[in-house]
C-alpha atoms as a PDB file:
ATOM      1  CA  LEU A   1      97.506 108.434  95.812  1.00  0.00           C
ATOM      2  CA  ILE A   2      95.407 109.034  92.671  1.00  0.00           C
ATOM      3  CA  SER A   3      92.940 106.158  92.460  1.00  0.00           C
ATOM      4  CA  LEU A   4      91.886 105.804  96.101  1.00  0.00           C
ATOM      5  CA  PRO A   5      90.433 109.333  96.594  1.00  0.00           C
ATOM      6  CA  ILE A   6      88.554 109.061  93.287  1.00  0.00           C
ATOM      7  CA  MET A   7      87.004 105.701  94.198  1.00  0.00           C
ATOM      8  CA  LEU A   8      86.058 106.946  97.661  1.00  0.00           C
ATOM      9  CA  ARG A   9      84.595 110.097  96.131  1.00  0.00           C
ATOM     10  CA  TYR A  10      82.127 108.093  94.081  1.00  0.00           C
ATOM     11  CA  GLY A  11      81.045 105.794  96.878  1.00  0.00           C
ATOM     12  CA  TYR A  12      83.218 102.704  96.447  1.00  0.00           C
ATOM     13  CA  ASP A  13      83.488 100.467  99.478  1.00  0.00           C
ATOM     14  CA  ARG A  14      86.726 101.166 101.358  1.00  0.00           C
ATOM     15  CA  ARG A  15      87.629  97.482 101.548  1.00  0.00           C
ATOM     16  CA  LEU A  16      87.141  96.946  97.822  1.00  0.00           C
ATOM     17  CA  ALA A  17      88.977 100.145  96.855  1.00  0.00           C
ATOM     18  CA  SER A  18      92.018  99.527  99.051  1.00  0.00           C
ATOM     19  CA  GLY A  19      92.077  95.804  98.233  1.00  0.00           C
ATOM     20  CA  VAL A  20      92.044  96.398  94.486  1.00  0.00           C
ATOM     21  CA  ILE A  21      94.899  98.910  94.714  1.00  0.00           C
ATOM     22  CA  ALA A  22      97.049  96.746  96.998  1.00  0.00           C
ATOM     23  CA  ALA A  23      96.472  93.510  95.066  1.00  0.00           C
ATOM     24  CA  SER A  24      96.884  95.000  91.592  1.00  0.00           C
ATOM     25  CA  GLY A  25     100.073  96.743  92.678  1.00  0.00           C
ATOM     26  CA  THR A  26     101.677  93.396  93.479  1.00  0.00           C
ATOM     27  CA  LEU A  27     101.109  92.194  89.897  1.00  0.00           C
ATOM     28  CA  ALA A  28     104.200  94.158  88.912  1.00  0.00           C
ATOM     29  CA  GLN A  29     106.238  91.532  90.759  1.00  0.00           C
ATOM     30  CA  ILE A  30     105.362  88.761  88.283  1.00  0.00           C
ATOM     31  CA  ILE A  31     104.626  90.635  85.056  1.00  0.00           C
ATOM     32  CA  PRO A  32     107.756  91.487  83.048  1.00  0.00           C
ATOM     33  CA  PRO A  33     109.870  93.545  83.479  1.00  0.00           C
ATOM     34  CA  SER A  34     109.910  92.362  87.081  1.00  0.00           C
ATOM     35  CA  LEU A  35     112.799  92.619  89.519  1.00  0.00           C
ATOM     36  CA  VAL A  36     111.461  89.491  91.231  1.00  0.00           C
ATOM     37  CA  LEU A  37     111.870  87.460  88.037  1.00  0.00           C
ATOM     38  CA  ILE A  38     115.389  88.808  87.476  1.00  0.00           C
ATOM     39  CA  VAL A  39     116.503  87.703  90.942  1.00  0.00           C
ATOM     40  CA  MET A  40     114.690  84.389  90.539  1.00  0.00           C
ATOM     41  CA  ALA A  41     116.411  83.702  87.220  1.00  0.00           C
ATOM     42  CA  ASP A  42     119.799  84.473  88.756  1.00  0.00           C
ATOM     43  CA  GLN A  43     119.259  82.145  91.718  1.00  0.00           C
ATOM     44  CA  LEU A  44     117.990  79.286  89.527  1.00  0.00           C
ATOM     45  CA  GLY A  45     120.729  79.681  86.926  1.00  0.00           C
ATOM     46  CA  ARG A  46     118.369  80.476  84.048  1.00  0.00           C
ATOM     47  CA  SER A  47     118.241  83.394  81.639  1.00  0.00           C
ATOM     48  CA  VAL A  48     116.097  86.400  82.467  1.00  0.00           C
ATOM     49  CA  GLY A  49     114.537  86.339  78.996  1.00  0.00           C
ATOM     50  CA  ASP A  50     113.316  82.754  79.461  1.00  0.00           C
ATOM     51  CA  MET A  51     111.925  83.644  82.873  1.00  0.00           C
ATOM     52  CA  TYR A  52     110.088  86.624  81.368  1.00  0.00           C
ATOM     53  CA  LYS A  53     108.610  84.423  78.658  1.00  0.00           C
ATOM     54  CA  GLY A  54     107.527  81.866  81.227  1.00  0.00           C
ATOM     55  CA  ALA A  55     105.798  84.490  83.394  1.00  0.00           C
ATOM     56  CA  PHE A  56     104.085  86.341  80.548  1.00  0.00           C
ATOM     57  CA  ILE A  57     100.957  84.200  80.274  1.00  0.00           C
ATOM     58  CA  PRO A  58     100.564  83.359  84.019  1.00  0.00           C
ATOM     59  CA  GLY A  59     100.837  87.050  84.859  1.00  0.00           C
ATOM     60  CA  PHE A  60      98.063  88.043  82.492  1.00  0.00           C
ATOM     61  CA  VAL A  61      95.930  85.064  83.548  1.00  0.00           C
ATOM     62  CA  LEU A  62      96.208  86.243  87.152  1.00  0.00           C
ATOM     63  CA  THR A  63      95.287  89.751  86.013  1.00  0.00           C
ATOM     64  CA  GLY A  64      92.231  88.330  84.281  1.00  0.00           C
ATOM     65  CA  LEU A  65      91.223  86.467  87.439  1.00  0.00           C
ATOM     66  CA  TYR A  66      91.465  89.718  89.398  1.00  0.00           C
ATOM     67  CA  LEU A  67      89.207  91.380  86.828  1.00  0.00           C
ATOM     68  CA  VAL A  68      86.682  88.543  87.035  1.00  0.00           C
ATOM     69  CA  TYR A  69      86.648  88.829  90.836  1.00  0.00           C
ATOM     70  CA  VAL A  70      86.050  92.598  90.755  1.00  0.00           C
ATOM     71  CA  ILE A  71      83.296  92.200  88.158  1.00  0.00           C
ATOM     72  CA  GLY A  72      81.697  89.461  90.281  1.00  0.00           C
ATOM     73  CA  VAL A  73      81.781  91.620  93.410  1.00  0.00           C
ATOM     74  CA  SER A  74      80.302  94.524  91.451  1.00  0.00           C
ATOM     75  CA  LEU A  75      77.420  92.347  90.218  1.00  0.00           C
ATOM     76  CA  LEU A  76      76.721  90.646  93.546  1.00  0.00           C
ATOM     77  CA  LYS A  77      77.137  93.780  95.669  1.00  0.00           C
ATOM     78  CA  PRO A  78      76.562  96.796  93.410  1.00  0.00           C
ATOM     79  CA  GLN A  79      76.548  99.128  96.405  1.00  0.00           C
ATOM     80  CA  TRP A  80      80.266  98.383  96.854  1.00  0.00           C
ATOM     81  CA  ALA A  81      81.122  99.638  93.342  1.00  0.00           C
ATOM     82  CA  PRO A  82      78.403 102.036  92.165  1.00  0.00           C
ATOM     83  CA  ALA A  83      78.296 103.243  88.589  1.00  0.00           C
ATOM     84  CA  LEU A  84      79.860 106.584  87.763  1.00  0.00           C
ATOM     85  CA  PRO A  85      77.189 109.292  88.121  1.00  0.00           C
ATOM     86  CA  PRO A  86      76.165 111.135  84.922  1.00  0.00           C
ATOM     87  CA  GLU A  87      77.560 114.460  86.155  1.00  0.00           C
ATOM     88  CA  ALA A  88      81.021 112.874  86.469  1.00  0.00           C
ATOM     89  CA  ARG A  89      81.104 111.799  82.824  1.00  0.00           C
ATOM     90  CA  THR A  90      82.662 114.975  81.508  1.00  0.00           C
ATOM     91  CA  ILE A  91      83.821 113.758  78.077  1.00  0.00           C
ATOM     92  CA  ARG A  92      80.779 114.013  75.814  1.00  0.00           C
ATOM     93  CA  GLU A  93      80.081 114.677  72.169  1.00  0.00           C
ATOM     94  CA  PRO A  94      78.194 117.811  71.048  1.00  0.00           C
ATOM     95  CA  ASN A  95      75.061 115.664  70.647  1.00  0.00           C
ATOM     96  CA  GLY A  96      75.386 114.416  74.248  1.00  0.00           C
ATOM     97  CA  ASP A  97      76.669 110.950  73.323  1.00  0.00           C
ATOM     98  CA  SER A  98      79.359 109.424  75.555  1.00  0.00           C
ATOM     99  CA  GLY A  99      81.483 108.226  72.634  1.00  0.00           C
ATOM    100  CA  LEU A 100      81.825 104.697  73.960  1.00  0.00           C
ATOM    101  CA  ARG A 101      80.494 103.185  70.727  1.00  0.00           C
ATOM    102  CA  SER A 102      83.291 104.829  68.744  1.00  0.00           C
ATOM    103  CA  LEU A 103      85.815 103.576  71.282  1.00  0.00           C
ATOM    104  CA  GLY A 104      84.419 100.053  71.003  1.00  0.00           C
ATOM    105  CA  ILE A 105      84.599 100.139  67.196  1.00  0.00           C
ATOM    106  CA  LEU A 106      88.202 101.371  67.325  1.00  0.00           C
ATOM    107  CA  PHE A 107      89.137  98.628  69.785  1.00  0.00           C
ATOM    108  CA  GLY A 108      87.449  95.996  67.604  1.00  0.00           C
ATOM    109  CA  LEU A 109      89.267  97.250  64.513  1.00  0.00           C
ATOM    110  CA  VAL A 110      92.628  97.217  66.242  1.00  0.00           C
ATOM    111  CA  LEU A 111      92.002  93.759  67.708  1.00  0.00           C
ATOM    112  CA  ALA A 112      90.891  92.337  64.342  1.00  0.00           C
ATOM    113  CA  SER A 113      93.904  93.793  62.523  1.00  0.00           C
ATOM    114  CA  SER A 114      96.268  92.387  65.162  1.00  0.00           C
ATOM    115  CA  ILE A 115      94.703  88.928  64.877  1.00  0.00           C
ATOM    116  CA  VAL A 116      94.914  88.997  61.087  1.00  0.00           C
ATOM    117  CA  LEU A 117      98.566  90.007  61.206  1.00  0.00           C
ATOM    118  CA  SER A 118      99.431  87.352  63.802  1.00  0.00           C
ATOM    119  CA  ASN A 119      97.787  84.644  61.676  1.00  0.00           C
ATOM    120  CA  ASN A 120      99.715  85.710  58.573  1.00  0.00           C
ATOM    121  CA  TYR A 121     103.005  86.873  60.103  1.00  0.00           C
ATOM    122  CA  SER A 122     104.894  83.662  59.279  1.00  0.00           C
ATOM    123  CA  ALA A 123     103.590  83.832  55.723  1.00  0.00           C
ATOM    124  CA  LEU A 124     104.814  87.419  55.362  1.00  0.00           C
ATOM    125  CA  LEU A 125     108.266  86.474  56.647  1.00  0.00           C
ATOM    126  CA  SER A 126     108.360  83.488  54.287  1.00  0.00           C
ATOM    127  CA  TRP A 127     107.405  85.710  51.327  1.00  0.00           C
ATOM    128  CA  ARG A 128     110.098  88.221  52.235  1.00  0.00           C
ATOM    129  CA  ALA A 129     112.806  85.585  52.787  1.00  0.00           C
ATOM    130  CA  GLY A 130     111.894  83.446  49.775  1.00  0.00           C
ATOM    131  CA  HIS A 131     111.636  80.254  51.846  1.00  0.00           C
ATOM    132  CA  ASP A 132     109.484  78.873  54.643  1.00  0.00           C
ATOM    133  CA  VAL A 133     109.937  80.729  57.935  1.00  0.00           C
ATOM    134  CA  VAL A 134     108.160  79.846  61.181  1.00  0.00           C
ATOM    135  CA  ALA A 135     108.005  82.883  63.465  1.00  0.00           C
ATOM    136  CA  ALA A 136     108.314  82.414  67.216  1.00  0.00           C
ATOM    137  CA  THR A 137     105.082  82.805  69.163  1.00  0.00           C
ATOM    138  CA  ASP A 138     106.378  85.581  71.419  1.00  0.00           C
ATOM    139  CA  GLU A 139     107.735  87.512  68.423  1.00  0.00           C
ATOM    140  CA  THR A 140     104.393  87.176  66.633  1.00  0.00           C
ATOM    141  CA  ILE A 141     102.484  88.459  69.665  1.00  0.00           C
ATOM    142  CA  VAL A 142     104.777  91.462  70.111  1.00  0.00           C
ATOM    143  CA  VAL A 143     104.680  92.427  66.422  1.00  0.00           C
ATOM    144  CA  ALA A 144     100.888  92.051  66.208  1.00  0.00           C
ATOM    145  CA  MET A 145     100.295  94.109  69.365  1.00  0.00           C
ATOM    146  CA  THR A 146     102.719  96.790  68.199  1.00  0.00           C
ATOM    147  CA  PHE A 147     100.956  96.998  64.852  1.00  0.00           C
ATOM    148  CA  GLY A 148      97.597  97.398  66.558  1.00  0.00           C
ATOM    149  CA  ILE A 149      98.871 100.157  68.843  1.00  0.00           C
ATOM    150  CA  LEU A 150     100.465 102.059  65.951  1.00  0.00           C
ATOM    151  CA  LEU A 151      97.294 101.672  63.893  1.00  0.00           C
ATOM    152  CA  SER A 152      95.138 103.161  66.659  1.00  0.00           C
ATOM    153  CA  LEU A 153      97.599 106.045  67.106  1.00  0.00           C
ATOM    154  CA  ALA A 154      97.676 106.739  63.355  1.00  0.00           C
ATOM    155  CA  LEU A 155      93.869 106.774  63.129  1.00  0.00           C
ATOM    156  CA  ALA A 156      93.586 109.091  66.137  1.00  0.00           C
ATOM    157  CA  LEU A 157      96.223 111.489  64.774  1.00  0.00           C
ATOM    158  CA  ILE A 158      94.638 111.610  61.309  1.00  0.00           C
ATOM    159  CA  ASN A 159      91.178 112.133  62.786  1.00  0.00           C
ATOM    160  CA  SER A 160      92.437 114.923  65.050  1.00  0.00           C
ATOM    161  CA  ALA A 161      94.562 116.679  62.419  1.00  0.00           C
ATOM    162  CA  LEU A 162      92.000 116.592  59.597  1.00  0.00           C
ATOM    163  CA  LYS A 163      88.940 117.114  61.821  1.00  0.00           C
ATOM    164  CA  LEU A 164      87.228 114.093  60.286  1.00  0.00           C
ATOM    165  CA  ASN A 165      85.073 113.439  63.359  1.00  0.00           C
ATOM    166  CA  LEU A 166      85.228 109.712  62.667  1.00  0.00           C
ATOM    167  CA  LEU A 167      86.356 109.060  66.235  1.00  0.00           C
ATOM    168  CA  SER A 168      84.744 110.443  69.357  1.00  0.00           C
ATOM    169  CA  ARG A 169      86.583 112.597  71.876  1.00  0.00           C
ATOM    170  CA  MET A 170      86.536 109.639  74.241  1.00  0.00           C
ATOM    171  CA  ALA A 171      88.242 107.379  71.665  1.00  0.00           C
ATOM    172  CA  GLU A 172      90.876 110.026  70.894  1.00  0.00           C
ATOM    173  CA  ARG A 173      91.688 110.750  74.536  1.00  0.00           C
ATOM    174  CA  VAL A 174      91.881 107.083  75.461  1.00  0.00           C
ATOM    175  CA  THR A 175      94.226 106.435  72.521  1.00  0.00           C
ATOM    176  CA  PHE A 176      96.513 109.365  73.314  1.00  0.00           C
ATOM    177  CA  ALA A 177      96.556 108.397  77.010  1.00  0.00           C
ATOM    178  CA  LEU A 178      97.337 104.700  76.466  1.00  0.00           C
ATOM    179  CA  VAL A 179      99.866 104.828  73.645  1.00  0.00           C
ATOM    180  CA  PRO A 180     102.799 106.351  75.662  1.00  0.00           C
ATOM    181  CA  PRO A 181     102.759 103.724  78.471  1.00  0.00           C
ATOM    182  CA  LEU A 182     102.211 100.936  75.913  1.00  0.00           C
ATOM    183  CA  THR A 183     105.197 102.252  73.972  1.00  0.00           C
ATOM    184  CA  LEU A 184     107.207 102.141  77.189  1.00  0.00           C
ATOM    185  CA  ILE A 185     106.178  98.508  77.681  1.00  0.00           C
ATOM    186  CA  PHE A 186     107.287  97.724  74.129  1.00  0.00           C
ATOM    187  CA  LEU A 187     110.689  99.330  74.746  1.00  0.00           C
ATOM    188  CA  VAL A 188     111.218  96.849  77.587  1.00  0.00           C
ATOM    189  CA  LEU A 189     109.372  93.656  76.677  1.00  0.00           C
ATOM    190  CA  GLY A 190     109.157  94.015  72.909  1.00  0.00           C
ATOM    191  CA  THR A 191     112.871  94.487  72.432  1.00  0.00           C
ATOM    192  CA  ILE A 192     113.597  91.513  74.700  1.00  0.00           C
ATOM    193  CA  PHE A 193     111.150  89.156  72.976  1.00  0.00           C
ATOM    194  CA  LEU A 194     112.309  90.251  69.510  1.00  0.00           C
ATOM    195  CA  GLY A 195     115.929  89.605  70.478  1.00  0.00           C
ATOM    196  CA  VAL A 196     116.920  93.211  69.833  1.00  0.00           C
ATOM    197  CA  ALA A 197     118.079  93.804  73.405  1.00  0.00           C
ATOM    198  CA  THR A 198     119.037  91.830  76.488  1.00  0.00           C
ATOM    199  CA  PRO A 199     116.886  92.175  79.628  1.00  0.00           C
ATOM    200  CA  THR A 200     119.435  94.596  81.095  1.00  0.00           C
ATOM    201  CA  GLU A 201     119.419  96.734  77.944  1.00  0.00           C
ATOM    202  CA  GLY A 202     115.617  96.560  77.782  1.00  0.00           C
ATOM    203  CA  GLY A 203     115.345  97.773  81.361  1.00  0.00           C
ATOM    204  CA  ALA A 204     117.737 100.622  80.598  1.00  0.00           C
ATOM    205  CA  MET A 205     115.656 101.659  77.576  1.00  0.00           C
ATOM    206  CA  GLY A 206     112.534 101.529  79.716  1.00  0.00           C
ATOM    207  CA  ALA A 207     114.146 103.790  82.320  1.00  0.00           C
ATOM    208  CA  VAL A 208     115.233 106.273  79.658  1.00  0.00           C
ATOM    209  CA  GLY A 209     111.777 106.157  78.071  1.00  0.00           C
ATOM    210  CA  ALA A 210     110.122 106.829  81.435  1.00  0.00           C
ATOM    211  CA  LEU A 211     112.404 109.837  82.013  1.00  0.00           C
ATOM    212  CA  ILE A 212     111.612 111.220  78.549  1.00  0.00           C
ATOM    213  CA  MET A 213     107.859 110.790  79.132  1.00  0.00           C
ATOM    214  CA  ALA A 214     108.108 112.517  82.513  1.00  0.00           C
ATOM    215  CA  LEU A 215     110.003 115.408  80.940  1.00  0.00           C
ATOM    216  CA  MET A 216     107.517 115.723  78.079  1.00  0.00           C
ATOM    217  CA  ARG A 217     104.626 115.856  80.534  1.00  0.00           C
ATOM    218  CA  LYS A 218     106.526 118.271  82.805  1.00  0.00           C
ATOM    219  CA  ARG A 219     106.301 115.907  85.765  1.00  0.00           C
ATOM    220  CA  LEU A 220     110.009 115.671  86.498  1.00  0.00           C
ATOM    221  CA  ASP A 221     112.007 118.198  88.477  1.00  0.00           C
ATOM    222  CA  MET A 222     115.182 118.130  90.539  1.00  0.00           C
ATOM    223  CA  ARG A 223     113.259 117.383  93.734  1.00  0.00           C
ATOM    224  CA  LEU A 224     111.667 114.251  92.301  1.00  0.00           C
ATOM    225  CA  LEU A 225     114.913 113.181  90.639  1.00  0.00           C
ATOM    226  CA  LYS A 226     116.782 113.573  93.937  1.00  0.00           C
ATOM    227  CA  GLN A 227     114.088 111.591  95.752  1.00  0.00           C
ATOM    228  CA  ALA A 228     114.241 108.800  93.146  1.00  0.00           C
ATOM    229  CA  LEU A 229     118.031 108.581  93.367  1.00  0.00           C
ATOM    230  CA  ASN A 230     117.896 108.550  97.164  1.00  0.00           C
ATOM    231  CA  THR A 231     115.292 105.767  97.237  1.00  0.00           C
ATOM    232  CA  THR A 232     117.178 103.725  94.642  1.00  0.00           C
ATOM    233  CA  THR A 233     120.425 104.023  96.612  1.00  0.00           C
ATOM    234  CA  LYS A 234     118.740 102.866  99.830  1.00  0.00           C
ATOM    235  CA  LEU A 235     117.087  99.912  98.094  1.00  0.00           C
ATOM    236  CA  SER A 236     120.332  98.899  96.374  1.00  0.00           C
ATOM    237  CA  THR A 237     122.205  99.030  99.689  1.00  0.00           C
ATOM    238  CA  PHE A 238     119.482  97.000 101.340  1.00  0.00           C
ATOM    239  CA  VAL A 239     119.662  94.324  98.628  1.00  0.00           C
ATOM    240  CA  LEU A 240     123.467  94.189  98.705  1.00  0.00           C
ATOM    241  CA  PHE A 241     123.527  93.628 102.473  1.00  0.00           C
ATOM    242  CA  ILE A 242     120.998  90.807 102.111  1.00  0.00           C
ATOM    243  CA  LEU A 243     123.065  89.334  99.278  1.00  0.00           C
ATOM    244  CA  ILE A 244     126.237  89.412 101.365  1.00  0.00           C
ATOM    245  CA  GLY A 245     124.516  87.835 104.362  1.00  0.00           C
ATOM    246  CA  SER A 246     122.802  85.147 102.278  1.00  0.00           C
ATOM    247  CA  THR A 247     126.090  84.305 100.547  1.00  0.00           C
ATOM    248  CA  VAL A 248     127.827  83.816 103.895  1.00  0.00           C
ATOM    249  CA  PHE A 249     124.921  81.706 105.141  1.00  0.00           C
ATOM    250  CA  ASN A 250     124.957  79.536 101.997  1.00  0.00           C
ATOM    251  CA  LEU A 251     128.711  78.982 102.234  1.00  0.00           C
ATOM    252  CA  VAL A 252     128.470  77.911 105.878  1.00  0.00           C
ATOM    253  CA  PHE A 253     125.400  75.783 105.182  1.00  0.00           C
ATOM    254  CA  GLN A 254     127.128  74.095 102.255  1.00  0.00           C
ATOM    255  CA  GLY A 255     130.281  73.537 104.296  1.00  0.00           C
ATOM    256  CA  LEU A 256     128.245  71.647 106.889  1.00  0.00           C
ATOM    257  CA  ASP A 257     126.621  69.507 104.145  1.00  0.00           C
ATOM    258  CA  GLY A 258     123.307  71.201 104.807  1.00  0.00           C
ATOM    259  CA  ARG A 259     122.341  70.958 101.137  1.00  0.00           C
ATOM    260  CA  VAL A 260     122.651  67.166 101.326  1.00  0.00           C
ATOM    261  CA  TRP A 261     120.338  67.014 104.345  1.00  0.00           C
ATOM    262  CA  VAL A 262     117.761  69.284 102.701  1.00  0.00           C
ATOM    263  CA  GLU A 263     117.943  67.302  99.449  1.00  0.00           C
ATOM    264  CA  HIS A 264     117.411  63.983 101.230  1.00  0.00           C
ATOM    265  CA  LEU A 265     114.550  65.449 103.246  1.00  0.00           C
ATOM    266  CA  LEU A 266     112.682  66.906 100.258  1.00  0.00           C
ATOM    267  CA  THR A 267     113.265  64.005  97.853  1.00  0.00           C
ATOM    268  CA  SER A 268     111.983  61.526 100.447  1.00  0.00           C
ATOM    269  CA  LEU A 269     108.641  63.294 100.870  1.00  0.00           C
ATOM    270  CA  PRO A 270     105.577  61.152 100.101  1.00  0.00           C
ATOM    271  CA  GLY A 271     103.904  61.876  96.790  1.00  0.00           C
ATOM    272  CA  GLY A 272     107.042  62.389  94.721  1.00  0.00           C
ATOM    273  CA  VAL A 273     107.049  65.554  92.626  1.00  0.00           C
ATOM    274  CA  LEU A 274     103.508  66.535  93.631  1.00  0.00           C
ATOM    275  CA  GLY A 275     104.296  66.143  97.328  1.00  0.00           C
ATOM    276  CA  PHE A 276     107.464  68.198  96.913  1.00  0.00           C
ATOM    277  CA  LEU A 277     105.572  71.030  95.180  1.00  0.00           C
ATOM    278  CA  ILE A 278     102.821  71.075  97.798  1.00  0.00           C
ATOM    279  CA  VAL A 279     105.251  71.168 100.731  1.00  0.00           C
ATOM    280  CA  VAL A 280     107.474  73.790  99.101  1.00  0.00           C
ATOM    281  CA  ASN A 281     104.571  76.100  98.283  1.00  0.00           C
ATOM    282  CA  ILE A 282     103.175  75.828 101.804  1.00  0.00           C
ATOM    283  CA  LEU A 283     106.654  76.471 103.241  1.00  0.00           C
ATOM    284  CA  VAL A 284     107.243  79.531 101.069  1.00  0.00           C
ATOM    285  CA  PHE A 285     103.754  80.856 101.802  1.00  0.00           C
ATOM    286  CA  VAL A 286     104.311  80.598 105.565  1.00  0.00           C
ATOM    287  CA  LEU A 287     107.842  82.027 105.440  1.00  0.00           C
ATOM    288  CA  ALA A 288     106.525  84.985 103.429  1.00  0.00           C
ATOM    289  CA  PHE A 289     104.723  86.143 106.576  1.00  0.00           C
ATOM    290  CA  PHE A 290     108.099  86.852 108.205  1.00  0.00           C
ATOM    291  CA  LEU A 291     110.607  87.243 105.343  1.00  0.00           C
ATOM    292  CA  ASP A 292     110.444  89.577 102.378  1.00  0.00           C
ATOM    293  CA  PHE A 293     111.040  88.503  98.812  1.00  0.00           C
ATOM    294  CA  PHE A 294     114.785  89.196  98.705  1.00  0.00           C
ATOM    295  CA  GLU A 295     115.465  87.106 101.791  1.00  0.00           C
ATOM    296  CA  LEU A 296     113.396  84.237 100.385  1.00  0.00           C
ATOM    297  CA  ALA A 297     115.086  84.469  96.986  1.00  0.00           C
ATOM    298  CA  PHE A 298     118.651  84.595  98.278  1.00  0.00           C
ATOM    299  CA  ILE A 299     118.313  82.048 101.115  1.00  0.00           C
ATOM    300  CA  ILE A 300     115.497  79.601 100.332  1.00  0.00           C
ATOM    301  CA  ILE A 301     115.544  79.373  96.516  1.00  0.00           C
ATOM    302  CA  PRO A 302     119.197  78.167  96.267  1.00  0.00           C
ATOM    303  CA  LEU A 303     118.218  75.257  98.533  1.00  0.00           C
ATOM    304  CA  LEU A 304     115.102  74.323  96.552  1.00  0.00           C
ATOM    305  CA  GLY A 305     116.427  74.757  93.003  1.00  0.00           C
ATOM    306  CA  PRO A 306     118.832  71.757  92.930  1.00  0.00           C
ATOM    307  CA  VAL A 307     116.185  69.480  94.445  1.00  0.00           C
ATOM    308  CA  ALA A 308     113.598  70.549  91.865  1.00  0.00           C
ATOM    309  CA  GLU A 309     116.080  69.954  89.053  1.00  0.00           C
ATOM    310  CA  LYS A 310     116.935  66.501  90.443  1.00  0.00           C
ATOM    311  CA  LEU A 311     113.219  65.627  90.466  1.00  0.00           C
ATOM    312  CA  GLY A 312     112.957  66.590  86.799  1.00  0.00           C
ATOM    313  CA  ILE A 313     111.000  69.810  87.300  1.00  0.00           C
ATOM    314  CA  ASP A 314     111.560  72.535  84.716  1.00  0.00           C
ATOM    315  CA  LEU A 315     113.256  75.356  86.615  1.00  0.00           C
ATOM    316  CA  ILE A 316     111.589  78.096  84.552  1.00  0.00           C
ATOM    317  CA  TRP A 317     108.164  76.708  85.458  1.00  0.00           C
ATOM    318  CA  PHE A 318     109.288  76.193  89.054  1.00  0.00           C
ATOM    319  CA  GLY A 319     110.600  79.751  89.296  1.00  0.00           C
ATOM    320  CA  VAL A 320     107.387  81.268  87.941  1.00  0.00           C
ATOM    321  CA  LEU A 321     105.351  79.125  90.357  1.00  0.00           C
ATOM    322  CA  LEU A 322     107.357  80.361  93.341  1.00  0.00           C
ATOM    323  CA  ALA A 323     107.259  83.944  92.055  1.00  0.00           C
ATOM    324  CA  VAL A 324     103.457  83.850  91.984  1.00  0.00           C
ATOM    325  CA  ASN A 325     103.494  82.412  95.500  1.00  0.00           C
ATOM    326  CA  MET A 326     105.956  84.991  96.813  1.00  0.00           C
ATOM    327  CA  GLN A 327     103.946  87.743  95.170  1.00  0.00           C
ATOM    328  CA  THR A 328     101.454  87.279  97.996  1.00  0.00           C
ATOM    329  CA  SER A 329     104.193  88.155 100.497  1.00  0.00           C
ATOM    330  CA  PHE A 330     103.716  91.804  99.515  1.00  0.00           C
ATOM    331  CA  MET A 331     100.223  91.619 101.073  1.00  0.00           C
ATOM    332  CA  HIS A 332     100.977  89.425 104.101  1.00  0.00           C
ATOM    333  CA  PRO A 333     100.926  90.977 107.539  1.00  0.00           C
ATOM    334  CA  PRO A 334     103.015  91.889 109.409  1.00  0.00           C
ATOM    335  CA  PHE A 335     105.617  92.808 106.728  1.00  0.00           C
ATOM    336  CA  GLY A 336     103.484  93.272 103.605  1.00  0.00           C
ATOM    337  CA  PHE A 337     105.112  96.063 101.606  1.00  0.00           C
ATOM    338  CA  ALA A 338     101.915  96.742  99.662  1.00  0.00           C
ATOM    339  CA  LEU A 339     100.080  97.365 102.931  1.00  0.00           C
ATOM    340  CA  PHE A 340     102.723  99.830 104.123  1.00  0.00           C
ATOM    341  CA  TYR A 341     102.778 101.633 100.769  1.00  0.00           C
ATOM    342  CA  LEU A 342      98.985 101.881 100.744  1.00  0.00           C
ATOM    343  CA  ARG A 343      98.858 103.141 104.303  1.00  0.00           C
ATOM    344  CA  SER A 344     101.486 105.777 103.586  1.00  0.00           C
ATOM    345  CA  VAL A 345      99.337 107.420 100.890  1.00  0.00           C
ATOM    346  CA  ALA A 346      95.869 106.740 102.312  1.00  0.00           C
ATOM    347  CA  ALA A 347      94.104 109.385 104.337  1.00  0.00           C
ATOM    348  CA  LYS A 348      94.735 109.158 108.067  1.00  0.00           C
ATOM    349  CA  ASN A 349      91.264 110.450 108.919  1.00  0.00           C
ATOM    350  CA  ASP A 350      87.844 109.622 107.517  1.00  0.00           C
ATOM    351  CA  TYR A 351      87.746 110.741 103.894  1.00  0.00           C
ATOM    352  CA  THR A 352      85.338 113.552 103.066  1.00  0.00           C
ATOM    353  CA  ASP A 353      85.288 114.888  99.530  1.00  0.00           C
ATOM    354  CA  LYS A 354      84.723 118.618  99.139  1.00  0.00           C
ATOM    355  CA  GLU A 355      82.534 118.161  96.067  1.00  0.00           C
ATOM    356  CA  THR A 356      80.316 115.286  97.152  1.00  0.00           C
END
């Protein structure tokens, strides 16, 4: 709704613009706090926090691969992603400078301070406790990132309040724009990784934080709130009906010893664990063309989980692997939700910008 018209305005290829939006939107299904991971953890009998920790690095690796692909397309076919024209770069310093150097210096300072803190975090905890303390990796990452974000916000506020002109307008605006959503992410993920809140409590704090941000920016009214409640009720009803149907199916399937047949079939596949993983991923990929995520999670995953555990596969790793696979179901025709969402907000006719 926001990004597509802007990219089309400045000459981006339609295929690249729509593909980037649809593909990047599906990343929310595997990056915490993800509803997909919550359902997956429930079906595999593992904690949501462990599933979040397991998906943290793969999610960001996949994000990085998307970035590399877009950069590669931009270099190989620059006409598909042309540079922003000079007249569109509205944030400039009085001397005409873009302010990107100041932004780069601020980013480097924040990154360096976060790395220094992460390397010495265990030592700080040991000094405070009076004995050796080894901090968990996820806790160290969250604390270091939080420190970097707060440092950038403090520098931007001081520079703006005292008119020091040490930071450019670009650096200030980027900082003030990024800190609120990053704070929202910390309320959800940071509290979970630090052990302050359970995944349910973290999600609740994230929802409250999002409402507060919407109110502060004057983007929430009764019409939007009513629409959100209506959509949430429909989705919850939809999920509950699938859950009831899948439970009945599983009970009947188990009563007919279907689990035993499936277990014997999958454990007897050639190739052992590797053969099982290859067949399962192909099966899930094909089924995703016709079933959405909830149907796969409630019907297929309970059949595969016990077999994977019997073969000695870590269920957290197995769940993240299947979540990444099922993430593609949001882009599969004929039932790809990302495609329907994109089509609902895209222009029905050829796009013509009034300015360009």
